[in-house]
Amino acid sequence: MSNLKGVTKTIELTNYGIHSKQINYQLSSDELHAITIEKGQGVEVDSGALAINTGEFTGRSPKDRFIVKDDITKDEVWWSDINLAFDPGDFDKLYDKVVNYLGDKELFVRDAYACADDNYRLNIRHINELPWSNMFTYNMFLRPTEEDLKDFSPEWTVINAPGFMADPEVDGTRAHNFAILNFTKKIALIGGTGYTGEIKKGIFSALNFILPVMKNTLPMHCSANVGKDGDTAIFFGLSGTGKTTLSADPDRRLIGDDEHGWTNENTVFNFEGGCYAKVIDLSEEKEPDIYRAIKPGAILENVVIKNGKVDFLDSSITQNTRVSYPIYHIDNIQPGSVGKNPKNIFFLTADAFGVLPPISKLTPGQAAFHFISGYTAKVAGTEAGVTEPIPSFSACFGAPFMPLHPTRYGEMLSKKMKDSGVNVWLINTGWTGGPYGTGRRMKLKYTRAMISAALEGKLDHVDYKTHEVFNIAVPMSCPEVPSEVLNPKDTWADKEAYDVKAKTLAKSFRDNFKKFEDYADSEIIKGAPNA
């Protein structure tokens, strides 16, 4: 598939208060690649991909994400330490300062859209200070045709000014960087950070409000793929748990790797037009699809380059090294990025305690409990200030992007689970044989084999054992996986130490869930581990 060339259409931004005379509209990926190199903002590596450095921030900054508290949001948003309120007046003043800053800059503008299902399509205009940020939007959002652009009308606008630094004492921000959603004005305002993930996560957060409140559709922080028989599989999990890796299956067609909607018509559609994958420790042997996607048109972020080659093992800049690429860089993709008939859901977690089984089957109540809990370990580098994995809970496997109360999403998912009769599996891609620092990471080939067995129905008739602490059903055998790997306690040298750690983790689950108990029904509460 070829890149769209720069569309011969002039565009004015005066309606946004921006009076720049240097506006590059709808440039192709190739053109943006060349401009980035010409400006000295990036280099081309041996694969032909562009490599850039995002500067001060190499991950999201969740404490600097805000939502304007207005008539639309005041009674709907779950205001908390995750969803931070921003004053409408402060937004207007900060907006004016940002667009004034952009007024004498060369800008890069792109019209794109989110949501592959036309019934849910959201048209977005991106106004970027930097060419590689605009190339990122080409990769990550859905690309309209030239015919589409003739009458394209943007509903939302992303204004992205990495070079603008806020003054917290004057502007109402916490620091000089910020990402603010305004649902009344339909603007995502981002400044002070070059990390491109803030762009896509800003729109994802907006859709997590728009779809359930206005469209009665469940938004999901998940990857998804389709089998040869048309069955859709959904993979929930936070950064570093394997969503991108495990959904890129050569035997299944990829719908998308991060953000999807599940409609009342029982279809699953991708929000995006690309993939944003972690590349730390990447190899062609372990992750061939991602490795081969790193070619002209891809953008590598914060990687270390030696003699024109990427050293994927070097984490000296960050553990959160990334690549973005358009989804067509993957050979085996689902046409239209829409799937039907979900049959299996996988909750992926990187358990830093080494307690949870590598695969277990959940009842509906357990599924809802674990979905609302969203347990994993924060992976080093994915958030500012995180340098080592930290056990944590993130509701719905994506709390930083969920404007509504987690139980709103949990109830929608639970209903869909029951209506569609899906199997729900908990997958530990984290540690085995002991906790982080003592044990080792679960082998990817074993995780792939367990997921394949679940998808192919090979675990439907094996014996299961109930975990003594978490009450989840653990298969006693699985093709191509040593049986001693399946029971986590068997992998520990010190069995008593395992019991202590399991009870400690179970208590963490129960303590975390206390804030949700008043909203959860008895079936969900019964899904909790033993006290």
Protein backbone atom coordinates (compact mmCIF):
# COMPACT_ATOMS: atom_id res chain seq x y z
CA MET A 1 0.00 0.00 0.00
CA SER A 2 1.45 3.36 -0.93
CA ASN A 3 1.45 6.49 1.22
CA LEU A 4 -0.96 9.30 0.39
CA LYS A 5 1.02 12.12 -1.16
CA GLY A 6 0.56 15.64 0.12
CA VAL A 7 -2.94 16.66 -0.88
CA THR A 8 -3.03 19.78 -3.03
CA LYS A 9 -5.40 21.56 -0.72
CA THR A 10 -4.69 24.68 1.29
CA ILE A 11 -5.96 24.88 4.81
CA GLU A 12 -6.52 27.74 7.21
CA LEU A 13 -6.27 27.45 10.98
CA THR A 14 -7.54 30.92 11.83
CA ASN A 15 -10.74 29.44 13.27
CA TYR A 16 -8.49 27.87 15.92
CA GLY A 17 -6.80 31.20 16.57
CA ILE A 18 -3.65 30.03 14.76
CA HIS A 19 -2.24 32.40 12.13
CA SER A 20 0.82 30.46 10.97
CA LYS A 21 1.73 31.00 7.33
CA GLN A 22 3.75 27.77 7.20
CA ILE A 23 1.17 25.00 7.21
CA ASN A 24 1.99 21.58 5.74
CA TYR A 25 -1.28 19.74 5.15
CA GLN A 26 -1.65 16.01 4.76
CA LEU A 27 1.97 15.27 3.87
CA SER A 28 2.88 11.69 3.12
CA SER A 29 4.86 9.52 5.50
CA ASP A 30 7.84 9.69 3.11
CA GLU A 31 7.76 13.49 3.07
CA LEU A 32 7.55 13.76 6.86
CA HIS A 33 10.38 11.24 7.22
CA ALA A 34 12.58 13.38 4.95
CA ILE A 35 11.68 16.66 6.67
CA THR A 36 12.49 15.18 10.10
CA ILE A 37 15.95 14.18 8.92
CA GLU A 38 16.49 17.50 7.13
CA LYS A 39 15.67 19.37 10.35
CA GLY A 40 18.09 17.19 12.32
CA GLN A 41 15.28 15.79 14.46
CA GLY A 42 15.84 12.14 13.56
CA VAL A 43 18.01 9.65 11.72
CA GLU A 44 17.35 6.77 9.36
CA VAL A 45 18.49 3.35 10.58
CA ASP A 46 19.63 0.42 8.46
CA SER A 47 16.09 -0.97 8.06
CA GLY A 48 14.93 2.30 6.51
CA ALA A 49 12.84 3.25 9.57
CA LEU A 50 13.03 6.70 11.16
CA ALA A 51 14.49 6.94 14.69
CA ILE A 52 13.67 9.90 16.93
CA ASN A 53 14.09 10.87 20.57
CA THR A 54 11.03 12.21 22.39
CA GLY A 55 13.15 14.27 24.77
CA GLU A 56 12.45 14.74 28.47
CA PHE A 57 9.48 12.38 28.51
CA THR A 58 9.85 8.80 27.26
CA GLY A 59 6.52 7.68 28.69
CA ARG A 60 3.13 9.02 29.70
CA SER A 61 2.75 11.37 32.66
CA PRO A 62 -0.61 10.36 34.20
CA LYS A 63 -0.45 12.98 36.96
CA ASP A 64 -0.51 15.67 34.28
CA ARG A 65 -3.63 14.42 32.47
CA PHE A 66 -6.76 16.50 33.03
CA ILE A 67 -10.41 16.67 32.00
CA VAL A 68 -12.24 19.99 31.86
CA LYS A 69 -15.07 19.91 34.39
CA ASP A 70 -18.11 21.30 32.59
CA ASP A 71 -21.81 20.59 32.04
CA ILE A 72 -21.02 17.48 29.97
CA THR A 73 -18.54 15.89 32.36
CA LYS A 74 -19.35 17.11 35.88
CA ASP A 75 -21.92 14.38 36.67
CA GLU A 76 -20.55 11.60 34.42
CA VAL A 77 -16.79 11.51 35.02
CA TRP A 78 -15.41 9.58 38.01
CA TRP A 79 -13.42 12.44 39.52
CA SER A 80 -10.44 10.94 41.32
CA ASP A 81 -6.65 10.92 41.48
CA ILE A 82 -6.85 9.46 37.94
CA ASN A 83 -9.40 11.83 36.41
CA LEU A 84 -8.22 15.26 37.51
CA ALA A 85 -10.56 18.21 37.02
CA PHE A 86 -9.45 21.31 35.09
CA ASP A 87 -11.23 24.65 35.25
CA PRO A 88 -12.89 25.77 31.97
CA GLY A 89 -11.57 29.31 32.38
CA ASP A 90 -8.03 28.07 32.95
CA PHE A 91 -8.36 25.93 29.83
CA ASP A 92 -9.38 28.91 27.70
CA LYS A 93 -6.45 30.99 28.91
CA LEU A 94 -3.96 28.15 28.41
CA TYR A 95 -5.40 27.39 24.96
CA ASP A 96 -4.89 31.01 23.91
CA LYS A 97 -1.27 30.86 25.05
CA VAL A 98 -0.62 27.62 23.14
CA VAL A 99 -2.14 28.82 19.85
CA ASN A 100 -0.28 32.11 20.18
CA TYR A 101 2.95 30.11 20.63
CA LEU A 102 2.16 28.11 17.49
CA GLY A 103 1.34 31.22 15.46
CA ASP A 104 4.88 31.76 14.18
CA LYS A 105 5.82 28.07 13.86
CA GLU A 106 5.92 25.83 10.83
CA LEU A 107 3.03 23.43 11.48
CA PHE A 108 2.02 19.99 10.25
CA VAL A 109 -1.70 19.29 9.94
CA ARG A 110 -3.38 15.96 9.29
CA ASP A 111 -7.02 14.96 9.01
CA ALA A 112 -7.61 11.37 10.09
CA TYR A 113 -10.23 9.39 11.93
CA ALA A 114 -10.70 6.83 14.67
CA CYS A 115 -13.01 3.78 14.76
CA ALA A 116 -13.00 1.37 11.80
CA ASP A 117 -16.76 0.81 12.01
CA ASP A 118 -18.35 3.67 10.07
CA ASN A 119 -21.25 3.78 12.52
CA TYR A 120 -18.84 4.97 15.21
CA ARG A 121 -16.33 6.95 13.13
CA LEU A 122 -14.76 10.01 14.78
CA ASN A 123 -13.13 12.57 12.45
CA ILE A 124 -10.06 14.23 13.99
CA ARG A 125 -7.83 17.11 12.93
CA HIS A 126 -4.26 16.92 14.25
CA ILE A 127 -2.21 20.11 14.48
CA ASN A 128 1.43 19.21 15.26
CA GLU A 129 4.45 21.36 15.96
CA LEU A 130 6.85 18.61 14.87
CA PRO A 131 6.93 16.63 11.59
CA TRP A 132 7.55 13.28 13.27
CA SER A 133 4.56 13.80 15.57
CA ASN A 134 2.45 14.25 12.43
CA MET A 135 3.99 11.12 10.93
CA PHE A 136 2.99 9.30 14.13
CA THR A 137 -0.63 10.36 13.57
CA TYR A 138 -0.41 9.01 10.00
CA ASN A 139 0.73 5.67 11.41
CA MET A 140 -1.65 5.40 14.33
CA PHE A 141 -4.96 6.77 13.10
CA LEU A 142 -7.16 5.64 10.23
CA ARG A 143 -6.22 7.21 6.94
CA PRO A 144 -8.95 8.87 4.83
CA THR A 145 -8.76 8.65 1.05
CA GLU A 146 -8.35 11.76 -1.07
CA GLU A 147 -12.05 11.43 -1.90
CA ASP A 148 -12.87 11.38 1.83
CA LEU A 149 -10.86 14.55 2.35
CA LYS A 150 -12.94 16.60 -0.08
CA ASP A 151 -15.76 16.95 2.44
CA PHE A 152 -13.89 16.03 5.62
CA SER A 153 -15.34 17.79 8.65
CA PRO A 154 -13.34 17.35 11.88
CA GLU A 155 -15.35 16.67 15.01
CA TRP A 156 -12.37 16.65 17.41
CA THR A 157 -9.06 18.49 17.26
CA VAL A 158 -5.70 17.51 18.75
CA ILE A 159 -3.34 20.44 19.27
CA ASN A 160 0.14 19.14 20.02
CA ALA A 161 2.86 21.62 21.06
CA PRO A 162 5.82 19.79 22.64
CA GLY A 163 7.90 22.96 22.80
CA PHE A 164 5.37 24.98 24.80
CA MET A 165 6.05 24.99 28.54
CA ALA A 166 3.22 25.83 30.91
CA ASP A 167 3.69 27.91 34.05
CA PRO A 168 1.96 25.88 36.78
CA GLU A 169 1.42 28.87 39.07
CA VAL A 170 -0.37 30.77 36.30
CA ASP A 171 -1.86 28.08 34.06
CA GLY A 172 -3.44 25.70 36.59
CA THR A 173 -1.27 22.72 35.59
CA ARG A 174 0.85 20.61 37.95
CA ALA A 175 4.04 20.96 35.89
CA HIS A 176 5.18 22.45 32.58
CA ASN A 177 3.71 19.47 30.66
CA PHE A 178 0.01 18.70 30.29
CA ALA A 179 -2.61 16.71 28.36
CA ILE A 180 -6.12 18.12 28.72
CA LEU A 181 -9.45 16.91 27.28
CA ASN A 182 -12.27 19.39 26.74
CA PHE A 183 -15.51 17.58 25.81
CA THR A 184 -17.50 20.76 25.23
CA LYS A 185 -14.98 22.21 22.77
CA LYS A 186 -13.90 18.74 21.56
CA ILE A 187 -10.21 19.53 21.89
CA ALA A 188 -7.27 17.53 23.19
CA LEU A 189 -4.59 20.05 24.19
CA ILE A 190 -1.08 18.62 24.70
CA GLY A 191 2.02 20.59 25.57
CA GLY A 192 5.46 20.34 27.15
CA THR A 193 6.01 16.71 26.17
CA GLY A 194 7.18 15.10 22.94
CA TYR A 195 6.07 11.60 23.93
CA THR A 196 3.79 10.57 21.07
CA GLY A 197 1.77 8.16 23.21
CA GLU A 198 -0.01 11.16 24.74
CA ILE A 199 -1.60 11.87 21.32
CA LYS A 200 -3.20 8.46 20.84
CA LYS A 201 -4.08 8.02 24.50
CA GLY A 202 -5.80 11.41 24.52
CA ILE A 203 -8.22 10.32 21.80
CA PHE A 204 -8.58 6.87 23.38
CA SER A 205 -9.61 8.54 26.65
CA ALA A 206 -12.14 10.68 24.81
CA LEU A 207 -13.65 7.60 23.14
CA ASN A 208 -13.83 5.86 26.52
CA PHE A 209 -16.31 8.55 27.47
CA ILE A 210 -18.09 9.05 24.15
CA LEU A 211 -18.80 5.40 23.28
CA PRO A 212 -20.45 4.15 26.51
CA VAL A 213 -22.25 7.40 27.35
CA MET A 214 -23.45 8.34 23.87
CA LYS A 215 -23.26 5.12 21.82
CA ASN A 216 -23.92 2.32 24.36
CA THR A 217 -20.75 0.61 23.12
CA LEU A 218 -17.97 -0.84 25.30
CA PRO A 219 -14.51 0.69 24.69
CA MET A 220 -11.64 -1.67 25.52
CA HIS A 221 -7.91 -1.30 26.11
CA CYS A 222 -7.16 -4.53 24.32
CA SER A 223 -5.78 -6.18 21.21
CA ALA A 224 -7.88 -8.47 19.03
CA ASN A 225 -7.51 -10.99 16.24
CA VAL A 226 -9.63 -13.35 14.15
CA GLY A 227 -9.16 -17.07 13.51
CA LYS A 228 -9.67 -19.01 10.30
CA ASP A 229 -13.21 -19.89 11.39
CA GLY A 230 -14.11 -16.25 11.99
CA ASP A 231 -13.87 -16.40 15.79
CA THR A 232 -12.60 -13.24 17.46
CA ALA A 233 -10.20 -13.29 20.44
CA ILE A 234 -9.73 -10.29 22.73
CA PHE A 235 -6.56 -9.63 24.75
CA PHE A 236 -6.69 -7.22 27.69
CA GLY A 237 -3.51 -6.06 29.38
CA LEU A 238 -1.37 -3.08 30.26
CA SER A 239 1.90 -2.08 28.65
CA GLY A 240 4.50 -4.84 28.82
CA THR A 241 2.08 -7.73 29.38
CA GLY A 242 2.16 -8.91 25.76
CA LYS A 243 -0.97 -7.53 24.06
CA THR A 244 0.84 -6.58 20.88
CA THR A 245 3.09 -9.63 20.82
CA LEU A 246 0.42 -12.24 21.50
CA SER A 247 -2.19 -10.82 19.15
CA ALA A 248 0.33 -10.84 16.28
CA ASP A 249 -0.26 -14.53 15.59
CA PRO A 250 0.74 -15.86 12.14
CA ASP A 251 -2.27 -18.22 12.22
CA ARG A 252 -4.78 -15.46 12.98
CA ARG A 253 -5.62 -12.12 11.33
CA LEU A 254 -4.89 -9.01 13.39
CA ILE A 255 -7.76 -6.58 14.00
CA GLY A 256 -5.62 -4.24 16.10
CA ASP A 257 -3.14 -4.17 18.96
CA ASP A 258 -4.41 -1.68 21.55
CA GLU A 259 -7.84 -0.06 21.39
CA HIS A 260 -11.22 -1.47 20.33
CA GLY A 261 -14.97 -1.14 20.70
CA TRP A 262 -17.45 -4.00 21.26
CA THR A 263 -20.86 -3.18 19.82
CA ASN A 264 -24.35 -4.41 20.64
CA GLU A 265 -24.26 -6.21 17.28
CA ASN A 266 -21.47 -8.41 18.76
CA THR A 267 -18.75 -7.00 16.53
CA VAL A 268 -15.34 -5.75 17.59
CA PHE A 269 -13.73 -2.83 15.74
CA ASN A 270 -10.30 -1.25 15.93
CA PHE A 271 -10.01 2.42 16.93
CA GLU A 272 -6.67 2.81 15.18
CA GLY A 273 -4.86 2.43 11.89
CA GLY A 274 -1.55 1.27 13.29
CA CYS A 275 0.42 -0.39 16.07
CA TYR A 276 2.57 1.05 18.85
CA ALA A 277 4.77 -1.75 20.15
CA LYS A 278 7.47 -1.98 22.79
CA VAL A 279 10.80 -3.02 21.26
CA ILE A 280 13.03 -3.59 24.28
CA ASP A 281 14.77 -6.96 23.78
CA LEU A 282 13.05 -7.32 20.39
CA SER A 283 14.32 -10.07 18.09
CA GLU A 284 13.14 -11.51 14.80
CA GLU A 285 13.03 -14.97 16.36
CA LYS A 286 10.76 -14.00 19.27
CA GLU A 287 8.51 -11.45 17.55
CA PRO A 288 8.90 -11.76 13.76
CA ASP A 289 5.86 -9.68 12.79
CA ILE A 290 6.90 -6.65 14.84
CA TYR A 291 10.55 -6.98 13.85
CA ARG A 292 9.71 -7.09 10.14
CA ALA A 293 7.33 -4.14 10.47
CA ILE A 294 10.32 -1.91 11.28
CA LYS A 295 10.93 -0.63 7.76
CA PRO A 296 10.40 2.63 5.85
CA GLY A 297 7.31 4.29 7.32
CA ALA A 298 7.95 3.07 10.88
CA ILE A 299 9.09 5.40 13.67
CA LEU A 300 11.41 4.11 16.40
CA GLU A 301 11.36 6.04 19.66
CA ASN A 302 14.19 6.44 22.15
CA VAL A 303 16.23 3.48 20.91
CA VAL A 304 20.03 3.36 21.04
CA ILE A 305 21.67 3.30 17.61
CA LYS A 306 25.16 1.93 17.02
CA ASN A 307 26.73 2.21 13.55
CA GLY A 308 23.32 2.71 11.97
CA LYS A 309 21.79 -0.34 13.66
CA VAL A 310 19.36 -0.43 16.57
CA ASP A 311 20.58 -2.11 19.75
CA PHE A 312 17.28 -3.45 21.00
CA LEU A 313 18.91 -4.70 24.21
CA ASP A 314 20.13 -1.25 25.26
CA SER A 315 17.74 0.42 27.70
CA SER A 316 20.06 3.29 28.66
CA ILE A 317 17.56 5.89 27.39
CA THR A 318 14.44 4.06 28.64
CA GLN A 319 12.94 0.62 29.06
CA ASN A 320 9.97 2.00 27.15
CA THR A 321 11.54 1.92 23.68
CA ARG A 322 8.79 1.90 21.05
CA VAL A 323 7.95 1.60 17.38
CA SER A 324 4.87 2.91 15.60
CA TYR A 325 3.89 1.65 12.18
CA PRO A 326 0.75 1.55 10.02
CA ILE A 327 -1.17 -1.67 10.43
CA TYR A 328 -0.51 -2.63 6.81
CA HIS A 329 3.12 -3.29 7.78
CA ILE A 330 1.71 -6.52 9.23
CA ASP A 331 0.98 -9.06 6.50
CA ASN A 332 -1.80 -10.97 8.21
CA ILE A 333 -4.45 -8.36 9.01
CA GLN A 334 -8.23 -8.50 9.16
CA PRO A 335 -9.79 -6.61 6.22
CA GLY A 336 -11.65 -3.56 7.47
CA SER A 337 -10.28 -4.02 11.02
CA VAL A 338 -13.63 -5.40 12.23
CA GLY A 339 -14.27 -8.86 13.70
CA LYS A 340 -17.39 -10.75 14.76
CA ASN A 341 -18.34 -13.53 17.13
CA PRO A 342 -15.94 -13.12 20.12
CA LYS A 343 -15.24 -16.58 21.58
CA ASN A 344 -12.28 -16.10 23.95
CA ILE A 345 -11.10 -13.26 26.18
CA PHE A 346 -7.62 -13.24 27.69
CA PHE A 347 -6.65 -11.08 30.68
CA LEU A 348 -2.87 -10.64 30.50
CA THR A 349 -0.91 -9.80 33.62
CA ALA A 350 2.81 -9.60 34.38
CA ASP A 351 2.69 -10.91 37.95
CA ALA A 352 5.84 -9.63 39.67
CA PHE A 353 5.16 -11.88 42.67
CA GLY A 354 5.37 -15.10 40.61
CA VAL A 355 2.17 -16.34 42.24
CA LEU A 356 -0.51 -16.54 39.54
CA PRO A 357 -0.68 -19.57 37.23
CA PRO A 358 0.45 -19.06 33.62
CA ILE A 359 -3.10 -19.89 32.50
CA SER A 360 -6.36 -20.34 34.39
CA LYS A 361 -10.04 -20.28 33.50
CA LEU A 362 -12.40 -17.80 35.15
CA THR A 363 -16.07 -17.93 36.05
CA PRO A 364 -18.18 -14.90 35.07
CA GLY A 365 -17.90 -13.51 38.60
CA GLN A 366 -14.14 -14.02 38.68
CA ALA A 367 -13.83 -12.48 35.24
CA ALA A 368 -15.65 -9.34 36.33
CA PHE A 369 -13.57 -9.17 39.54
CA HIS A 370 -10.26 -9.48 37.70
CA PHE A 371 -11.35 -7.05 34.99
CA ILE A 372 -12.29 -4.36 37.49
CA SER A 373 -9.09 -5.10 39.48
CA GLY A 374 -6.75 -5.00 36.46
CA TYR A 375 -3.70 -6.42 38.25
CA THR A 376 -0.24 -6.32 36.71
CA ALA A 377 3.19 -4.87 37.39
CA LYS A 378 4.00 -1.42 36.05
CA VAL A 379 6.80 -1.97 33.59
CA ALA A 380 9.87 0.25 33.95
CA GLY A 381 9.77 3.33 31.77
CA THR A 382 6.12 3.30 30.72
CA GLU A 383 5.38 6.07 33.19
CA ALA A 384 7.54 8.95 34.33
CA GLY A 385 9.46 8.07 37.51
CA VAL A 386 9.01 4.29 37.26
CA THR A 387 12.44 2.64 37.07
CA GLU A 388 11.58 -0.88 38.26
CA PRO A 389 8.47 -3.07 37.93
CA ILE A 390 5.94 -2.27 40.67
CA PRO A 391 2.90 -4.48 41.45
CA SER A 392 -0.19 -2.39 40.79
CA PHE A 393 -3.89 -2.40 40.01
CA SER A 394 -5.33 -0.51 37.05
CA ALA A 395 -9.09 -0.85 36.74
CA CYS A 396 -10.31 -2.33 33.44
CA PHE A 397 -6.65 -2.82 32.45
CA GLY A 398 -6.53 0.86 31.54
CA ALA A 399 -7.57 3.10 34.47
CA PRO A 400 -5.57 6.15 33.30
CA PHE A 401 -7.76 6.28 30.18
CA MET A 402 -11.15 5.55 31.75
CA PRO A 403 -13.17 8.71 32.54
CA LEU A 404 -16.17 6.78 33.96
CA HIS A 405 -16.35 4.72 37.13
CA PRO A 406 -14.72 1.29 36.49
CA THR A 407 -17.89 -0.57 37.41
CA ARG A 408 -19.67 1.08 34.45
CA TYR A 409 -17.24 -0.67 32.10
CA GLY A 410 -17.23 -3.84 34.23
CA GLU A 411 -21.01 -4.18 34.08
CA MET A 412 -20.98 -3.70 30.29
CA LEU A 413 -18.27 -6.34 29.86
CA SER A 414 -19.97 -8.80 32.23
CA LYS A 415 -23.23 -8.53 30.29
CA LYS A 416 -21.45 -9.07 26.98
CA MET A 417 -19.59 -12.08 28.39
CA LYS A 418 -22.86 -13.73 29.38
CA ASP A 419 -24.74 -12.76 26.22
CA SER A 420 -22.01 -14.10 23.91
CA GLY A 421 -20.94 -17.10 26.01
CA VAL A 422 -17.22 -16.35 25.75
CA ASN A 423 -14.50 -18.23 27.63
CA VAL A 424 -12.41 -15.97 29.86
CA TRP A 425 -8.80 -16.83 30.70
CA LEU A 426 -6.27 -15.25 33.05
CA ILE A 427 -2.76 -15.39 31.56
CA ASN A 428 0.36 -14.64 33.61
CA THR A 429 3.13 -13.50 31.26
CA GLY A 430 5.19 -12.44 34.29
CA TRP A 431 7.37 -14.39 36.67
CA THR A 432 7.65 -18.08 37.52
CA GLY A 433 9.86 -19.93 40.00
CA GLY A 434 9.82 -16.99 42.40
CA PRO A 435 9.13 -13.26 42.52
CA TYR A 436 10.84 -10.57 40.45
CA GLY A 437 14.56 -10.66 41.25
CA THR A 438 14.51 -14.37 42.11
CA GLY A 439 12.35 -16.08 39.49
CA ARG A 440 12.43 -15.77 35.73
CA ARG A 441 10.03 -14.44 33.11
CA MET A 442 7.60 -16.97 31.65
CA LYS A 443 8.87 -18.26 28.29
CA LEU A 444 7.01 -16.70 25.39
CA LYS A 445 6.78 -20.04 23.57
CA TYR A 446 4.89 -21.53 26.53
CA THR A 447 2.48 -18.59 26.69
CA ARG A 448 1.83 -18.88 22.95
CA ALA A 449 1.22 -22.62 23.28
CA MET A 450 -1.27 -22.13 26.13
CA ILE A 451 -3.20 -19.45 24.25
CA SER A 452 -3.27 -21.59 21.10
CA ALA A 453 -4.59 -24.53 23.11
CA ALA A 454 -7.37 -22.36 24.56
CA LEU A 455 -8.30 -20.97 21.14
CA GLU A 456 -8.37 -24.42 19.54
CA GLY A 457 -10.51 -25.96 22.29
CA LYS A 458 -7.72 -28.26 23.48
CA LEU A 459 -8.29 -27.24 27.11
CA ASP A 460 -12.00 -28.04 27.05
CA HIS A 461 -11.58 -31.63 28.21
CA VAL A 462 -8.46 -31.66 30.40
CA ASP A 463 -8.45 -31.98 34.19
CA TYR A 464 -8.44 -28.77 36.24
CA LYS A 465 -7.35 -28.05 39.78
CA THR A 466 -8.74 -25.18 41.85
CA HIS A 467 -6.04 -22.84 43.12
CA GLU A 468 -6.06 -22.94 46.90
CA VAL A 469 -5.89 -19.15 47.33
CA PHE A 470 -7.35 -17.57 44.18
CA ASN A 471 -10.02 -20.27 43.53
CA ILE A 472 -9.34 -20.12 39.77
CA ALA A 473 -9.37 -23.27 37.63
CA VAL A 474 -5.83 -24.32 36.62
CA PRO A 475 -5.43 -26.91 33.80
CA MET A 476 -3.25 -29.85 34.79
CA SER A 477 -1.99 -30.43 31.25
CA CYS A 478 -1.53 -28.43 28.07
CA PRO A 479 -0.01 -29.43 24.73
CA GLU A 480 3.63 -28.33 24.29
CA VAL A 481 3.89 -27.05 27.88
CA PRO A 482 5.66 -28.97 30.68
CA SER A 483 3.09 -29.88 33.34
CA GLU A 484 5.28 -28.57 36.17
CA VAL A 485 5.07 -25.07 34.66
CA LEU A 486 1.27 -24.98 34.95
CA ASN A 487 1.13 -25.05 38.75
CA PRO A 488 3.14 -22.04 39.97
CA LYS A 489 3.79 -23.52 43.41
CA ASP A 490 5.63 -26.45 41.78
CA THR A 491 8.13 -24.00 40.25
CA TRP A 492 9.18 -22.57 43.62
CA ALA A 493 12.01 -24.20 45.58
CA ASP A 494 10.51 -22.94 48.85
CA LYS A 495 6.84 -24.00 48.92
CA GLU A 496 6.13 -22.25 52.22
CA ALA A 497 7.47 -19.00 50.79
CA TYR A 498 5.08 -19.42 47.87
CA ASP A 499 2.11 -19.79 50.24
CA VAL A 500 3.09 -16.63 52.10
CA LYS A 501 3.51 -14.66 48.90
CA ALA A 502 0.20 -15.95 47.48
CA LYS A 503 -1.69 -14.88 50.60
CA THR A 504 0.03 -11.50 50.53
CA LEU A 505 -1.01 -10.93 46.92
CA ALA A 506 -4.56 -12.13 47.64
CA LYS A 507 -4.82 -9.57 50.44
CA SER A 508 -3.63 -6.87 48.04
CA PHE A 509 -6.43 -7.86 45.63
CA ARG A 510 -9.06 -7.70 48.36
CA ASP A 511 -7.77 -4.41 49.81
CA ASN A 512 -7.73 -2.82 46.37
CA PHE A 513 -11.29 -3.95 45.64
CA LYS A 514 -12.76 -2.36 48.78
CA LYS A 515 -13.31 0.91 46.92
CA PHE A 516 -15.50 -0.94 44.39
CA GLU A 517 -17.49 -3.18 46.77
CA ASP A 518 -20.42 -0.77 47.17
CA TYR A 519 -20.93 -0.85 43.39
CA ALA A 520 -20.36 -4.59 42.80
CA ASP A 521 -22.99 -7.34 42.97
CA SER A 522 -22.61 -10.54 45.01
CA GLU A 523 -21.42 -12.60 42.03
CA ILE A 524 -18.49 -10.25 41.44
CA ILE A 525 -17.56 -10.12 45.13
CA LYS A 526 -17.54 -13.96 45.23
CA GLY A 527 -14.93 -13.83 42.46
CA ALA A 528 -12.35 -12.49 44.91
CA PRO A 529 -9.51 -14.68 46.26
CA ASN A 530 -9.68 -16.15 49.76
CA ALA A 531 -8.99 -13.88 52.71
